[in-house]
């Protein structure tokens, strides 16, 4: 049996084969097939003679494995101690004393005391004119006071070395011909910008944003998740609900538990389902202006009172193609970067950042999109950016920072590291989480040769005397393209032998984990587990050498940030280096256990059937079928006798989705009906609303942006010569006002000549009609209030734009950049005021009345 998870793996494998590179480069592996290698830490064999063990030269835990905003947290880089004689000596010798100066990496920017020589000072005597290719977030250069205010919101964060990379295969250029622009915000899956101040938990805010995006992307609703809960219980871990990890500890060694963390470590912690919870359960402990630290201990009962459960986590190295792949698949990506608060490599006027040095990070952010055409001229001159292109990044300094809380990060930023994506669910199908790796932090792994097997053994204890059903297992590979054989053994006769029971599958299930990280794998057939019996999850490595994450006692090997104490016990984890699987070694003898989890649900005995009398009357119930904001949800209080006809009620609305109709099943696989349709009642009926992301009318794409309002997203065909964007559209019984034209909606539409824009359109987005070389006539209705930057750049010479609106208040940049002899015709009564408005940014445009 073979199992492949989602389209991502197929795409990656196809590209990998096409590239001709079918091997994956990881860390060095032992050539001895009888040796199980603890990657970059310990090389172990099956022999119980500790003198036969071999050791390698570094310990991944001695690296910088947290990212912190705190100026008091130290860090260190990994070292290479001499080979040691015993495991005890290894653990002792691998502890690195932190270097002087708190272990902070030297920031090259510290050598620059005056950055006025690196960039032209835009404030001098006389008039300040905007640079022609610069996208100022205020539509103009900032004053020195405004610049300082922006920089003051960024804190003072020291630099640290990022974690040791996952073993990513980046020799794939799948997205070399990707769209030039992508922004997850346009799909309605990015939650509002938050403010981390006064705490240094950027990593928790980035993790929460990833979770919130995943839940929105799955249609599970809008969540506001608690960063405080994550930070607190990471530093104050509690035993899991099944009682399997009483001695696992992650102790935060700083005086404030808010100081330090990163999203790989956080992903392993959240795989134990200790969080995430809603913000209302554990709000950020500060005041309204985010200046006071009001922290207090949280109720231990909240530790596993989870609202959003981690499903998958992806760990990756950075490349432009890999980032685009992850954004397209997951919607958001957490990344570690170096954020400069001195105004040398970050330019507040444009909210553009590029740190030109590698090896140092100090901040976690959330990437939500890209713009290949974002001008290199927006970045600080000190960054020496050579090419256009930037990531669109959500920050956690509040909406008043940057461009409404966002900024642009150059593709060429050399500090970008440790990419993390997450998926989450709100109601897991298998809610019992069996694991032993409560103190796993993703800082240690083992090297496994093909044919090696690893296993965890559990005792079914979640139910009150009833059986359980095992439906999911959770893997943790440090390497892309790791292939496994999976077998479940039930009713073990010898718990010290993982294969001493009954195999659940006639032939092992095969599964390939496409990307490094934490992967929840649904079993092809759920496995029944008897209450109180021992069962095992056995993984066998296929095809190539691989790396797998483990929990180990790092109580003295984690610098001075945190101490991870693995509460290991005999009989938990095992490994076997022989293909026959006859000889198994308890991993407890090697001081670690494997990160293998099992998810089950309780199976209760079916109650005796009871005879329910057939009701004489029936009802129709309407359900929204979404946690997104809806309105006008119909209800029907009438009672219907058998066979009576009923008319389906009117359509509801959603503020981010189109109503598609009603269905008798929530997943849309039942009987469909539309508002006003007559149905025959033969029993109780429940009708579930069905929702869609976009609607195409007259070859124009629309998406919902509010209460019965939509945004024009652009054409479904690039061959349109004339475009009419109406005031309203009607779809499935609902009338929507067209209020906005999105950024780059018709960008580079080479055939477009004429555009008519309806009376409800209030905003024309950035570069909406830029580079439409043949566009010469634009008629805009009465509702226009705002024209964003470069909306009509590089259109046809002599283009005439007629504006009927008297409400226009903002023109964000020069309207006729790259276009000569442009004329804007306006209402007579607004001639003078509109002349002033346009000439603030567009001195060469001709403004006339009609």
Foldseek 3Di string as FASTA:
>chain_A
DEDEPDPLQVVLVVQCVVLVHPDFDDADDDPPLQWWFFPQFWIGGQDLPQQPTWTFFKFLLLFPAKFWQDLQAAGAHIDGDDIDRGPVVSLVVNADAADPPRNFDDAPCVVDPDCCVQFPDQDDPDDRFDDQQAQFLQLGFDDPVVLLVQLVLPHHFTKGFYGDAQREDPSGQPCVVPDQKDFLVLLVLFDAAAAPAPFTQLQLVQVQRLAQSQCVVVQAAGAAWASQQLLQCLQVPDQAPLRQAHPWHKHFQDPDSRTIHHNQLSLLLLQSQQDTAGCVQPPQQDDPVRHDRRDDHHDPVSRNVYQKGWAWKFKHWDAPSVLVSCCVVRQKKKKFAADDSPCQQAPQRQLEGAAQDERITRHIWMFRMKHQANDPVNTGSNRVDDGGMWTWIAGRSALVHGNRRIGTYHSNRRHITTIMHTHIDRDDPFPDKDWQQNLFRQSIKMKHWALKKKKFKDWAAPDPQFKKWWWKKKFAFSHAFWKKFKWKFAQAPDLLQQNRGHTPDPGTYMYTHGGGTMHIDTDPDIDIYGHGGMMMIMIGTDDGMTMGGKHFFSQSHNHSGIGTGRPDDWSTMWMDSDNVSPDIHTCVSVGIHGGMMIGIHGDDDDDDDDDDDDDQWAAEAEDALGNADKDPGDGDPDTHGAFDKDFAAADIGGQWWDWPFWAQDSVRPHDTDAGGDIDTDHHYTYIYTDTHAWDADPQWIWTHHGHQEIETQAGNDLQDAEEEAEQWDDDRRGIHGHAEYEACRNALSQRHAEYEYYARHAEYYHCVPANNARHAEYEYHARHAEYEHQVHENYYAQREYEYEHPRHDYYSAQPYHNYANYEYEYAPVCQVVVLVRNCVHHVRYHYHYD
